[in-house]
Each structure stands twice: as structure tokens, then as C-alpha cells.
Amino acid sequence: MNHAQLTTLGRALRVLGEQGESLSTDTPDTRLHEVRADLRRALDLLDEAVTGGKPATRCAEHPQGPVDESAPDLCLLCETRRRAHRRSEYGGRQTPAHPAQTAPSRYGVRADRPQPQQRWLPEAWNGREWQLCGTPRRDRQEAEAYLAAQRRGSRPAMAYRLVHEFTDYEVLRVWGTPVQTDVEPLGNL
């Protein structure tokens, strides 16, 4: 729609709005015929301005794309991308990655865990303490691959570390820098 079409259509719609506000039960038929003619004129202007077909989806990126009735925006392409992202998350689980997040980890913190065994623990810094960000692994390479995938994910934590657990804990490697964050605004004044 070019500028001239836009201004002409806007003017026609404003005239219709003014006419609509002045309608009442005792409006004469001649006035109603004028309103009808102005409506047709506005519809003709709109038909000239619209170049593409009616959008099949509510998606701004793919308005004419294929339709998926189960998607919130009816766009099959975007819904396929969202499903692939959900599948790519490790085991379908999301890690609590933002330090401002105050919800407890579904894996718990170190004090909640049972007696140690020989395993490697992937941990993320939540802003206050280290917490498990995945299932403890029996294989170190698998644990490092998991942490590499978490760092490349859409919501990475501030820092990760890999802890070796065998009758005691030994921090093997740390990625990032943990920074203590205060969850209360203004330092809990």
C-alpha cells in the first residue's frame, strides 16, 4: 500500500466513523444510502490496496505458510522449529540457567545428596550456590559433553563446573566465573 492509497483509505474510514457516530433511530434513508455508498467506496479502496491473499496463519514471519491447527499461531514451520528445540534439550529437561531465578533446582543442592559414589556431577552456578544441573554421570566424557551442550544451549548459566565424587568431592574444571547475586532489591534494606 503506497502513501496515497493509505491517506485516501484513512480519510474514507474517518468519514465513515463520523457518519456512524451521527446515526440514530430517526436517520433518514437518504443518509443511510450515503453511508452505504461511502462504505462501498472504502471497500473498493481497500481491495485496491490489498495485494496478497488472506494470511493462513497468525505468524508474522510465515503468514502464507502451512497451517498446524495445534500451534498457537497456526504456523507449522514455527511449531516444527519449537518442537525441534524442545527435543534438542537434553532429555527434555531445562536447566535453571539464570542467576536471578529463585526456584529451587529439581536436582537439589549438595547438602541434599546421599553418600558419594564414583561419579561426575555437572553443576551450574545459580547466583548464590552451585547446584546440580543434570543427572550425575558414571562417565567423565559423557558429563563433559553434557556441560558443553548446556553452554551452547539457549539459556546458559553464568558458570558450570564438573565435580568428581568418590568418598569426597574434587572440583575438576570450572567454566565461567560465579558471581554472588543478591535476590533482594537494594541489598535487602
N, C-alpha and C. Protein backbone atom coordinates (compact mmCIF):
# COMPACT_ATOMS: atom_id res chain seq x y z
N MET A 1 0.86 -1.16 0.00
CA MET A 1 0.00 0.00 0.00
C MET A 1 0.91 1.23 0.00
N ASN A 2 0.72 2.07 -1.02
CA ASN A 2 1.54 3.28 -1.07
C ASN A 2 0.93 4.39 -0.22
N HIS A 3 1.64 5.51 -0.13
CA HIS A 3 1.21 6.59 0.76
C HIS A 3 -0.11 7.21 0.32
N ALA A 4 -0.31 7.38 -0.99
CA ALA A 4 -1.55 7.98 -1.47
C ALA A 4 -2.75 7.09 -1.15
N GLN A 5 -2.58 5.78 -1.35
CA GLN A 5 -3.66 4.84 -1.02
C GLN A 5 -3.96 4.87 0.48
N LEU A 6 -2.91 4.94 1.26
CA LEU A 6 -3.07 4.94 2.72
C LEU A 6 -3.83 6.18 3.19
N THR A 7 -3.47 7.34 2.67
CA THR A 7 -4.16 8.57 3.11
C THR A 7 -5.60 8.59 2.61
N THR A 8 -5.85 8.12 1.39
CA THR A 8 -7.22 8.09 0.87
C THR A 8 -8.09 7.14 1.68
N LEU A 9 -7.56 5.96 1.99
CA LEU A 9 -8.31 4.99 2.79
C LEU A 9 -8.56 5.52 4.19
N GLY A 10 -7.57 6.17 4.78
CA GLY A 10 -7.73 6.74 6.12
C GLY A 10 -8.81 7.81 6.14
N ARG A 11 -8.82 8.65 5.11
CA ARG A 11 -9.84 9.69 5.03
C ARG A 11 -11.23 9.08 4.90
N ALA A 12 -11.37 8.05 4.06
CA ALA A 12 -12.68 7.40 3.86
C ALA A 12 -13.15 6.75 5.15
N LEU A 13 -12.26 6.14 5.90
CA LEU A 13 -12.65 5.50 7.15
C LEU A 13 -13.01 6.53 8.23
N ARG A 14 -12.30 7.66 8.24
CA ARG A 14 -12.67 8.71 9.19
C ARG A 14 -14.05 9.27 8.89
N VAL A 15 -14.39 9.45 7.59
CA VAL A 15 -15.73 9.92 7.21
C VAL A 15 -16.77 8.91 7.66
N LEU A 16 -16.47 7.62 7.47
CA LEU A 16 -17.42 6.59 7.92
C LEU A 16 -17.59 6.62 9.43
N GLY A 17 -16.51 6.84 10.16
CA GLY A 17 -16.60 6.91 11.62
C GLY A 17 -17.48 8.06 12.08
N GLU A 18 -17.31 9.21 11.42
CA GLU A 18 -18.14 10.37 11.77
C GLU A 18 -19.61 10.10 11.46
N GLN A 19 -19.85 9.45 10.32
CA GLN A 19 -21.23 9.13 9.95
C GLN A 19 -21.83 8.11 10.92
N GLY A 20 -21.02 7.16 11.35
CA GLY A 20 -21.51 6.15 12.29
C GLY A 20 -21.89 6.75 13.62
N GLU A 21 -21.12 7.74 14.08
CA GLU A 21 -21.43 8.38 15.36
C GLU A 21 -22.71 9.20 15.29
N SER A 22 -23.04 9.70 14.09
CA SER A 22 -24.23 10.55 13.97
C SER A 22 -25.51 9.75 13.68
N LEU A 23 -25.40 8.43 13.53
CA LEU A 23 -26.59 7.63 13.26
C LEU A 23 -27.48 7.56 14.49
N SER A 24 -28.77 7.55 14.24
CA SER A 24 -29.74 7.39 15.31
C SER A 24 -30.96 6.67 14.75
N THR A 25 -31.97 6.47 15.57
CA THR A 25 -33.17 5.75 15.10
C THR A 25 -33.98 6.56 14.10
N ASP A 26 -33.84 7.87 14.09
CA ASP A 26 -34.62 8.68 13.16
C ASP A 26 -33.79 9.20 11.98
N THR A 27 -32.69 8.48 11.63
CA THR A 27 -31.86 8.86 10.49
C THR A 27 -32.64 8.57 9.20
N PRO A 28 -32.72 9.55 8.27
CA PRO A 28 -33.46 9.33 7.02
C PRO A 28 -32.76 8.33 6.10
N ASP A 29 -33.53 7.73 5.20
CA ASP A 29 -32.99 6.73 4.27
C ASP A 29 -31.94 7.32 3.33
N THR A 30 -32.10 8.57 2.96
CA THR A 30 -31.11 9.18 2.07
C THR A 30 -29.73 9.21 2.73
N ARG A 31 -29.71 9.47 4.02
CA ARG A 31 -28.45 9.48 4.78
C ARG A 31 -27.86 8.08 4.84
N LEU A 32 -28.71 7.05 5.01
CA LEU A 32 -28.24 5.66 5.04
C LEU A 32 -27.67 5.25 3.69
N HIS A 33 -28.26 5.75 2.59
CA HIS A 33 -27.71 5.45 1.26
C HIS A 33 -26.34 6.10 1.07
N GLU A 34 -26.14 7.29 1.64
CA GLU A 34 -24.83 7.94 1.59
C GLU A 34 -23.80 7.11 2.35
N VAL A 35 -24.20 6.61 3.53
CA VAL A 35 -23.30 5.77 4.33
C VAL A 35 -22.93 4.52 3.55
N ARG A 36 -23.95 3.93 2.90
CA ARG A 36 -23.71 2.72 2.11
C ARG A 36 -22.74 2.99 0.96
N ALA A 37 -22.91 4.11 0.28
CA ALA A 37 -22.01 4.47 -0.82
C ALA A 37 -20.59 4.70 -0.30
N ASP A 38 -20.47 5.37 0.86
CA ASP A 38 -19.14 5.58 1.44
C ASP A 38 -18.50 4.27 1.87
N LEU A 39 -19.30 3.34 2.39
CA LEU A 39 -18.77 2.02 2.75
C LEU A 39 -18.24 1.30 1.53
N ARG A 40 -19.01 1.33 0.44
CA ARG A 40 -18.56 0.67 -0.81
C ARG A 40 -17.27 1.32 -1.31
N ARG A 41 -17.19 2.64 -1.24
CA ARG A 41 -16.00 3.36 -1.68
C ARG A 41 -14.80 2.93 -0.84
N ALA A 42 -14.96 2.83 0.47
CA ALA A 42 -13.87 2.41 1.34
C ALA A 42 -13.47 0.97 1.06
N LEU A 43 -14.45 0.09 0.82
CA LEU A 43 -14.13 -1.31 0.49
C LEU A 43 -13.39 -1.40 -0.84
N ASP A 44 -13.79 -0.60 -1.82
CA ASP A 44 -13.07 -0.60 -3.11
C ASP A 44 -11.63 -0.12 -2.94
N LEU A 45 -11.46 0.93 -2.14
CA LEU A 45 -10.09 1.40 -1.87
C LEU A 45 -9.26 0.32 -1.17
N LEU A 46 -9.90 -0.39 -0.25
CA LEU A 46 -9.20 -1.46 0.46
C LEU A 46 -8.86 -2.62 -0.48
N ASP A 47 -9.77 -2.95 -1.39
CA ASP A 47 -9.49 -4.01 -2.37
C ASP A 47 -8.32 -3.64 -3.27
N GLU A 48 -8.21 -2.37 -3.64
CA GLU A 48 -7.09 -1.92 -4.47
C GLU A 48 -5.77 -1.98 -3.70
N ALA A 49 -5.84 -1.68 -2.41
CA ALA A 49 -4.63 -1.60 -1.60
C ALA A 49 -4.08 -2.98 -1.24
N VAL A 50 -4.96 -3.96 -1.04
CA VAL A 50 -4.52 -5.29 -0.63
C VAL A 50 -3.99 -6.02 -1.86
N THR A 51 -2.72 -6.44 -1.78
CA THR A 51 -2.10 -7.12 -2.92
C THR A 51 -2.02 -8.63 -2.72
N GLY A 52 -1.74 -9.09 -1.52
CA GLY A 52 -1.60 -10.52 -1.25
C GLY A 52 -2.90 -11.14 -0.82
N GLY A 53 -2.87 -12.44 -0.66
CA GLY A 53 -4.04 -13.17 -0.19
C GLY A 53 -4.20 -13.05 1.31
N LYS A 54 -5.30 -13.60 1.80
CA LYS A 54 -5.57 -13.57 3.23
C LYS A 54 -4.56 -14.47 3.95
N PRO A 55 -3.98 -14.00 5.07
CA PRO A 55 -3.00 -14.84 5.77
C PRO A 55 -3.64 -16.13 6.28
N ALA A 56 -2.92 -17.22 6.09
CA ALA A 56 -3.42 -18.52 6.54
C ALA A 56 -3.08 -18.75 8.02
N THR A 57 -2.02 -18.07 8.51
CA THR A 57 -1.60 -18.25 9.89
C THR A 57 -1.57 -16.90 10.59
N ARG A 58 -1.36 -16.91 11.91
CA ARG A 58 -1.20 -15.68 12.67
C ARG A 58 0.28 -15.34 12.86
N CYS A 59 1.13 -16.01 12.11
CA CYS A 59 2.58 -15.83 12.23
C CYS A 59 3.03 -14.65 11.36
N ALA A 60 3.77 -13.71 11.94
CA ALA A 60 4.26 -12.57 11.18
C ALA A 60 5.36 -12.98 10.21
N GLU A 61 6.08 -14.03 10.52
CA GLU A 61 7.19 -14.48 9.68
C GLU A 61 6.70 -15.31 8.49
N HIS A 62 5.66 -16.13 8.68
CA HIS A 62 5.14 -17.00 7.62
C HIS A 62 3.62 -16.85 7.50
N PRO A 63 3.11 -15.69 7.05
CA PRO A 63 1.66 -15.51 7.01
C PRO A 63 0.96 -16.44 6.01
N GLN A 64 1.65 -16.82 4.95
CA GLN A 64 1.07 -17.71 3.95
C GLN A 64 1.59 -19.14 4.08
N GLY A 65 2.24 -19.45 5.18
CA GLY A 65 2.85 -20.76 5.37
C GLY A 65 1.83 -21.85 5.64
N PRO A 66 2.31 -23.09 5.75
CA PRO A 66 1.40 -24.21 6.04
C PRO A 66 0.82 -24.09 7.44
N VAL A 67 -0.38 -24.63 7.60
CA VAL A 67 -1.14 -24.47 8.84
C VAL A 67 -1.00 -25.71 9.71
N ASP A 68 -0.79 -25.49 11.01
CA ASP A 68 -0.83 -26.53 12.03
C ASP A 68 -1.87 -26.10 13.06
N GLU A 69 -2.97 -26.80 13.10
CA GLU A 69 -4.09 -26.41 13.97
C GLU A 69 -3.72 -26.46 15.45
N SER A 70 -2.74 -27.28 15.83
CA SER A 70 -2.38 -27.39 17.25
C SER A 70 -1.42 -26.30 17.70
N ALA A 71 -0.85 -25.55 16.77
CA ALA A 71 0.09 -24.48 17.12
C ALA A 71 -0.67 -23.24 17.57
N PRO A 72 -0.12 -22.50 18.53
CA PRO A 72 -0.82 -21.29 19.00
C PRO A 72 -0.96 -20.23 17.92
N ASP A 73 0.02 -20.15 17.00
CA ASP A 73 -0.06 -19.17 15.92
C ASP A 73 -0.45 -19.81 14.58
N LEU A 74 -0.83 -21.07 14.61
CA LEU A 74 -1.26 -21.85 13.44
C LEU A 74 -0.15 -22.08 12.41
N CYS A 75 1.09 -21.76 12.72
CA CYS A 75 2.19 -21.86 11.76
C CYS A 75 2.93 -23.20 11.95
N LEU A 76 2.88 -24.04 10.94
CA LEU A 76 3.55 -25.34 11.00
C LEU A 76 5.07 -25.17 11.04
N LEU A 77 5.61 -24.19 10.29
CA LEU A 77 7.05 -24.02 10.24
C LEU A 77 7.62 -23.60 11.60
N CYS A 78 6.96 -22.64 12.24
CA CYS A 78 7.44 -22.19 13.57
C CYS A 78 7.22 -23.28 14.62
N GLU A 79 6.11 -23.99 14.53
CA GLU A 79 5.84 -25.05 15.51
C GLU A 79 6.84 -26.18 15.35
N THR A 80 7.25 -26.50 14.13
CA THR A 80 8.27 -27.53 13.91
C THR A 80 9.59 -27.09 14.53
N ARG A 81 9.93 -25.81 14.38
CA ARG A 81 11.15 -25.29 14.99
C ARG A 81 11.07 -25.35 16.51
N ARG A 82 9.91 -25.01 17.08
CA ARG A 82 9.76 -25.08 18.54
C ARG A 82 9.85 -26.53 19.03
N ARG A 83 9.25 -27.45 18.30
CA ARG A 83 9.31 -28.87 18.70
C ARG A 83 10.73 -29.39 18.63
N ALA A 84 11.46 -29.02 17.58
CA ALA A 84 12.85 -29.46 17.46
C ALA A 84 13.69 -28.91 18.61
N HIS A 85 13.41 -27.66 19.01
CA HIS A 85 14.15 -27.08 20.14
C HIS A 85 13.85 -27.83 21.42
N ARG A 86 12.59 -28.19 21.62
CA ARG A 86 12.24 -28.93 22.84
C ARG A 86 12.90 -30.31 22.84
N ARG A 87 12.98 -30.95 21.66
CA ARG A 87 13.62 -32.27 21.59
C ARG A 87 15.12 -32.17 21.78
N SER A 88 15.72 -31.04 21.36
CA SER A 88 17.17 -30.91 21.46
C SER A 88 17.63 -30.69 22.89
N GLU A 89 16.73 -30.25 23.74
CA GLU A 89 17.10 -30.10 25.15
C GLU A 89 17.44 -31.48 25.69
N TYR A 90 18.45 -31.54 26.50
CA TYR A 90 18.93 -32.84 26.96
C TYR A 90 17.86 -33.54 27.78
N GLY A 91 17.36 -34.63 27.26
CA GLY A 91 16.36 -35.43 27.97
C GLY A 91 15.06 -34.68 28.21
N GLY A 92 14.82 -33.60 27.45
CA GLY A 92 13.60 -32.83 27.63
C GLY A 92 13.62 -31.95 28.87
N ARG A 93 14.79 -31.81 29.52
CA ARG A 93 14.86 -31.03 30.76
C ARG A 93 15.51 -29.69 30.48
N GLN A 94 15.03 -28.66 31.12
CA GLN A 94 15.68 -27.36 31.05
C GLN A 94 16.41 -27.13 32.37
N THR A 95 17.58 -26.52 32.24
CA THR A 95 18.33 -26.23 33.45
C THR A 95 17.97 -24.85 33.95
N PRO A 96 17.94 -24.66 35.26
CA PRO A 96 17.72 -23.31 35.78
C PRO A 96 18.98 -22.48 35.51
N ALA A 97 18.99 -21.70 34.45
CA ALA A 97 20.21 -21.09 33.97
C ALA A 97 20.40 -19.65 34.40
N HIS A 98 19.36 -18.94 34.74
CA HIS A 98 19.51 -17.54 35.06
C HIS A 98 19.76 -17.37 36.56
N PRO A 99 20.76 -16.58 36.92
CA PRO A 99 21.08 -16.44 38.33
C PRO A 99 19.97 -15.76 39.13
N ALA A 100 19.12 -14.97 38.48
CA ALA A 100 18.05 -14.30 39.21
C ALA A 100 16.90 -15.26 39.52
N GLN A 101 16.97 -16.46 38.97
CA GLN A 101 15.92 -17.43 39.19
C GLN A 101 15.98 -17.92 40.63
N THR A 102 14.86 -17.89 41.33
CA THR A 102 14.88 -18.25 42.74
C THR A 102 14.25 -19.61 43.01
N ALA A 103 13.71 -20.25 41.99
CA ALA A 103 13.10 -21.56 42.18
C ALA A 103 14.19 -22.58 42.49
N PRO A 104 13.93 -23.50 43.38
CA PRO A 104 14.95 -24.50 43.71
C PRO A 104 15.19 -25.44 42.54
N SER A 105 16.40 -25.98 42.47
CA SER A 105 16.75 -26.92 41.42
C SER A 105 15.99 -28.22 41.61
N ARG A 106 15.57 -28.82 40.50
CA ARG A 106 14.88 -30.11 40.61
C ARG A 106 15.85 -31.21 41.04
N TYR A 107 17.17 -30.93 40.96
CA TYR A 107 18.17 -31.92 41.35
C TYR A 107 18.68 -31.70 42.77
N GLY A 108 18.36 -30.54 43.36
CA GLY A 108 18.78 -30.27 44.72
C GLY A 108 20.14 -29.60 44.78
N VAL A 109 20.60 -29.32 45.98
CA VAL A 109 21.94 -28.77 46.20
C VAL A 109 22.76 -29.83 46.91
N ARG A 110 24.03 -29.57 47.10
CA ARG A 110 24.94 -30.61 47.59
C ARG A 110 24.49 -31.19 48.92
N ALA A 111 23.99 -30.37 49.84
CA ALA A 111 23.60 -30.86 51.16
C ALA A 111 22.47 -31.88 51.10
N ASP A 112 21.70 -31.88 50.03
CA ASP A 112 20.56 -32.79 49.91
C ASP A 112 20.94 -34.16 49.34
N ARG A 113 22.16 -34.32 48.86
CA ARG A 113 22.52 -35.55 48.15
C ARG A 113 22.96 -36.66 49.11
N PRO A 114 22.78 -37.91 48.70
CA PRO A 114 23.19 -39.04 49.56
C PRO A 114 24.71 -39.22 49.57
N GLN A 115 25.16 -40.27 50.25
CA GLN A 115 26.58 -40.56 50.33
C GLN A 115 27.17 -40.71 48.93
N PRO A 116 28.42 -40.23 48.73
CA PRO A 116 29.01 -40.23 47.39
C PRO A 116 29.33 -41.61 46.86
N GLN A 117 29.32 -41.68 45.54
CA GLN A 117 29.76 -42.86 44.80
C GLN A 117 30.74 -42.35 43.75
N GLN A 118 31.29 -43.25 42.97
CA GLN A 118 32.20 -42.84 41.90
C GLN A 118 31.36 -42.29 40.75
N ARG A 119 31.31 -40.96 40.63
CA ARG A 119 30.55 -40.36 39.54
C ARG A 119 30.99 -38.92 39.34
N TRP A 120 30.57 -38.35 38.21
CA TRP A 120 30.89 -36.98 37.84
C TRP A 120 29.61 -36.17 37.88
N LEU A 121 29.65 -35.03 38.58
CA LEU A 121 28.46 -34.22 38.81
C LEU A 121 28.54 -32.92 38.01
N PRO A 122 27.65 -32.71 37.06
CA PRO A 122 27.61 -31.41 36.37
C PRO A 122 26.85 -30.41 37.24
N GLU A 123 27.47 -29.27 37.53
CA GLU A 123 26.86 -28.28 38.39
C GLU A 123 26.84 -26.92 37.69
N ALA A 124 25.81 -26.13 37.99
CA ALA A 124 25.68 -24.77 37.46
C ALA A 124 25.60 -23.79 38.62
N TRP A 125 26.10 -22.60 38.40
CA TRP A 125 26.04 -21.55 39.41
C TRP A 125 24.71 -20.82 39.26
N ASN A 126 23.89 -20.78 40.31
CA ASN A 126 22.57 -20.15 40.22
C ASN A 126 22.56 -18.73 40.77
N GLY A 127 23.73 -18.19 41.09
CA GLY A 127 23.82 -16.84 41.62
C GLY A 127 24.12 -16.82 43.10
N ARG A 128 23.84 -17.92 43.80
CA ARG A 128 24.12 -18.00 45.23
C ARG A 128 24.92 -19.23 45.60
N GLU A 129 24.71 -20.33 44.86
CA GLU A 129 25.40 -21.57 45.19
C GLU A 129 25.46 -22.46 43.96
N TRP A 130 26.33 -23.47 44.04
CA TRP A 130 26.41 -24.45 42.96
C TRP A 130 25.27 -25.44 43.14
N GLN A 131 24.61 -25.76 42.04
CA GLN A 131 23.54 -26.75 42.11
C GLN A 131 23.69 -27.71 40.93
N LEU A 132 23.21 -28.93 41.14
CA LEU A 132 23.25 -29.90 40.06
C LEU A 132 22.41 -29.37 38.90
N CYS A 133 22.93 -29.52 37.68
CA CYS A 133 22.17 -29.08 36.52
C CYS A 133 21.84 -30.26 35.62
N GLY A 134 22.09 -31.45 36.06
CA GLY A 134 21.78 -32.65 35.29
C GLY A 134 21.99 -33.88 36.15
N THR A 135 21.72 -35.01 35.58
CA THR A 135 21.88 -36.26 36.30
C THR A 135 23.37 -36.58 36.47
N PRO A 136 23.80 -36.99 37.65
CA PRO A 136 25.20 -37.40 37.81
C PRO A 136 25.56 -38.51 36.83
N ARG A 137 26.77 -38.46 36.29
CA ARG A 137 27.20 -39.41 35.27
C ARG A 137 28.26 -40.34 35.82
N ARG A 138 28.29 -41.56 35.30
CA ARG A 138 29.34 -42.51 35.65
C ARG A 138 30.55 -42.34 34.73
N ASP A 139 30.37 -41.64 33.60
CA ASP A 139 31.42 -41.47 32.61
C ASP A 139 31.78 -39.98 32.52
N ARG A 140 33.07 -39.67 32.66
CA ARG A 140 33.51 -38.28 32.64
C ARG A 140 33.28 -37.62 31.28
N GLN A 141 33.59 -38.33 30.19
CA GLN A 141 33.41 -37.75 28.86
C GLN A 141 31.94 -37.42 28.60
N GLU A 142 31.05 -38.26 29.06
CA GLU A 142 29.63 -38.01 28.89
C GLU A 142 29.21 -36.76 29.67
N ALA A 143 29.75 -36.60 30.88
CA ALA A 143 29.43 -35.42 31.69
C ALA A 143 29.96 -34.14 31.04
N GLU A 144 31.18 -34.19 30.49
CA GLU A 144 31.73 -33.02 29.81
C GLU A 144 30.96 -32.69 28.55
N ALA A 145 30.52 -33.71 27.82
CA ALA A 145 29.71 -33.47 26.62
C ALA A 145 28.38 -32.84 26.99
N TYR A 146 27.81 -33.28 28.10
CA TYR A 146 26.54 -32.70 28.57
C TYR A 146 26.72 -31.22 28.92
N LEU A 147 27.79 -30.89 29.65
CA LEU A 147 28.04 -29.49 30.00
C LEU A 147 28.33 -28.64 28.77
N ALA A 148 29.03 -29.20 27.78
CA ALA A 148 29.27 -28.46 26.54
C ALA A 148 27.95 -28.15 25.85
N ALA A 149 27.02 -29.10 25.85
CA ALA A 149 25.70 -28.86 25.25
C ALA A 149 24.93 -27.82 26.04
N GLN A 150 25.05 -27.81 27.36
CA GLN A 150 24.36 -26.82 28.18
C GLN A 150 24.90 -25.41 27.91
N ARG A 151 26.23 -25.29 27.75
CA ARG A 151 26.83 -23.98 27.48
C ARG A 151 26.41 -23.45 26.12
N ARG A 152 26.17 -24.34 25.15
CA ARG A 152 25.73 -23.92 23.82
C ARG A 152 24.22 -23.71 23.75
N GLY A 153 23.48 -24.08 24.79
CA GLY A 153 22.02 -24.02 24.79
C GLY A 153 21.49 -22.60 24.73
N SER A 154 20.17 -22.48 24.68
CA SER A 154 19.53 -21.17 24.54
C SER A 154 19.55 -20.36 25.84
N ARG A 155 19.67 -21.02 26.99
CA ARG A 155 19.68 -20.30 28.27
C ARG A 155 20.83 -20.80 29.14
N PRO A 156 22.08 -20.47 28.78
CA PRO A 156 23.21 -20.98 29.57
C PRO A 156 23.31 -20.28 30.91
N ALA A 157 23.88 -21.01 31.88
CA ALA A 157 24.11 -20.44 33.21
C ALA A 157 25.34 -19.55 33.17
N MET A 158 25.55 -18.79 34.26
CA MET A 158 26.71 -17.91 34.37
C MET A 158 28.00 -18.73 34.39
N ALA A 159 27.98 -19.86 35.07
CA ALA A 159 29.17 -20.70 35.18
C ALA A 159 28.75 -22.16 35.40
N TYR A 160 29.61 -23.07 34.93
CA TYR A 160 29.40 -24.50 35.13
C TYR A 160 30.67 -25.08 35.72
N ARG A 161 30.55 -26.21 36.39
CA ARG A 161 31.73 -26.93 36.84
C ARG A 161 31.42 -28.42 36.85
N LEU A 162 32.48 -29.20 36.77
CA LEU A 162 32.36 -30.65 36.82
C LEU A 162 33.06 -31.13 38.09
N VAL A 163 32.34 -31.84 38.92
CA VAL A 163 32.86 -32.28 40.21
C VAL A 163 32.97 -33.80 40.19
N HIS A 164 34.16 -34.33 40.59
CA HIS A 164 34.36 -35.77 40.70
C HIS A 164 34.01 -36.17 42.12
N GLU A 165 33.16 -37.16 42.25
CA GLU A 165 32.67 -37.57 43.56
C GLU A 165 33.10 -39.03 43.81
N PHE A 166 33.93 -39.19 44.81
CA PHE A 166 34.31 -40.54 45.23
C PHE A 166 34.82 -40.45 46.66
N THR A 167 33.99 -40.74 47.61
CA THR A 167 34.20 -40.62 49.05
C THR A 167 34.50 -39.18 49.48
N ASP A 168 34.78 -38.31 48.51
CA ASP A 168 34.95 -36.90 48.76
C ASP A 168 34.71 -36.19 47.44
N TYR A 169 34.65 -34.88 47.49
CA TYR A 169 34.39 -34.11 46.28
C TYR A 169 35.66 -33.43 45.82
N GLU A 170 35.88 -33.44 44.51
CA GLU A 170 37.02 -32.75 43.94
C GLU A 170 36.53 -32.02 42.70
N VAL A 171 36.72 -30.70 42.68
CA VAL A 171 36.31 -29.91 41.52
C VAL A 171 37.35 -30.13 40.43
N LEU A 172 36.90 -30.64 39.29
CA LEU A 172 37.82 -30.95 38.20
C LEU A 172 38.03 -29.77 37.27
N ARG A 173 36.94 -29.07 36.92
CA ARG A 173 37.04 -28.00 35.94
C ARG A 173 35.90 -27.03 36.16
N VAL A 174 36.15 -25.72 35.94
CA VAL A 174 35.12 -24.70 36.08
C VAL A 174 35.07 -23.90 34.78
N TRP A 175 33.85 -23.69 34.26
CA TRP A 175 33.62 -22.85 33.09
C TRP A 175 32.92 -21.59 33.55
N GLY A 176 33.40 -20.41 33.24
CA GLY A 176 32.76 -19.17 33.63
C GLY A 176 33.21 -18.73 35.01
N THR A 177 32.66 -17.59 35.46
CA THR A 177 33.00 -17.04 36.76
C THR A 177 31.74 -16.87 37.59
N PRO A 178 31.63 -17.58 38.70
CA PRO A 178 30.44 -17.40 39.54
C PRO A 178 30.50 -16.07 40.28
N VAL A 179 29.40 -15.33 40.25
CA VAL A 179 29.31 -14.04 40.94
C VAL A 179 28.15 -14.12 41.91
N GLN A 180 28.37 -13.71 43.15
CA GLN A 180 27.31 -13.73 44.16
C GLN A 180 26.29 -12.67 43.82
N THR A 181 25.01 -13.04 43.72
CA THR A 181 23.95 -12.08 43.42
C THR A 181 22.97 -12.04 44.58
N ASP A 182 22.51 -10.83 44.87
CA ASP A 182 21.53 -10.65 45.94
C ASP A 182 20.15 -10.68 45.32
N VAL A 183 19.28 -11.54 45.80
CA VAL A 183 17.95 -11.68 45.23
C VAL A 183 17.02 -10.57 45.68
N GLU A 184 17.35 -9.87 46.75
CA GLU A 184 16.50 -8.79 47.25
C GLU A 184 16.93 -7.48 46.60
N PRO A 185 15.96 -6.64 46.18
CA PRO A 185 16.34 -5.35 45.59
C PRO A 185 16.93 -4.43 46.64
N LEU A 186 17.84 -3.59 46.24
CA LEU A 186 18.52 -2.61 47.10
C LEU A 186 19.27 -3.26 48.26
N GLY A 187 19.70 -4.47 48.08
CA GLY A 187 20.52 -5.12 49.10
C GLY A 187 19.76 -5.41 50.37
N ASN A 188 18.46 -5.64 50.28
CA ASN A 188 17.61 -6.01 51.43
C ASN A 188 17.63 -4.93 52.51
N LEU A 189 17.50 -3.66 52.07
CA LEU A 189 17.50 -2.56 53.03
C LEU A 189 16.17 -2.43 53.72
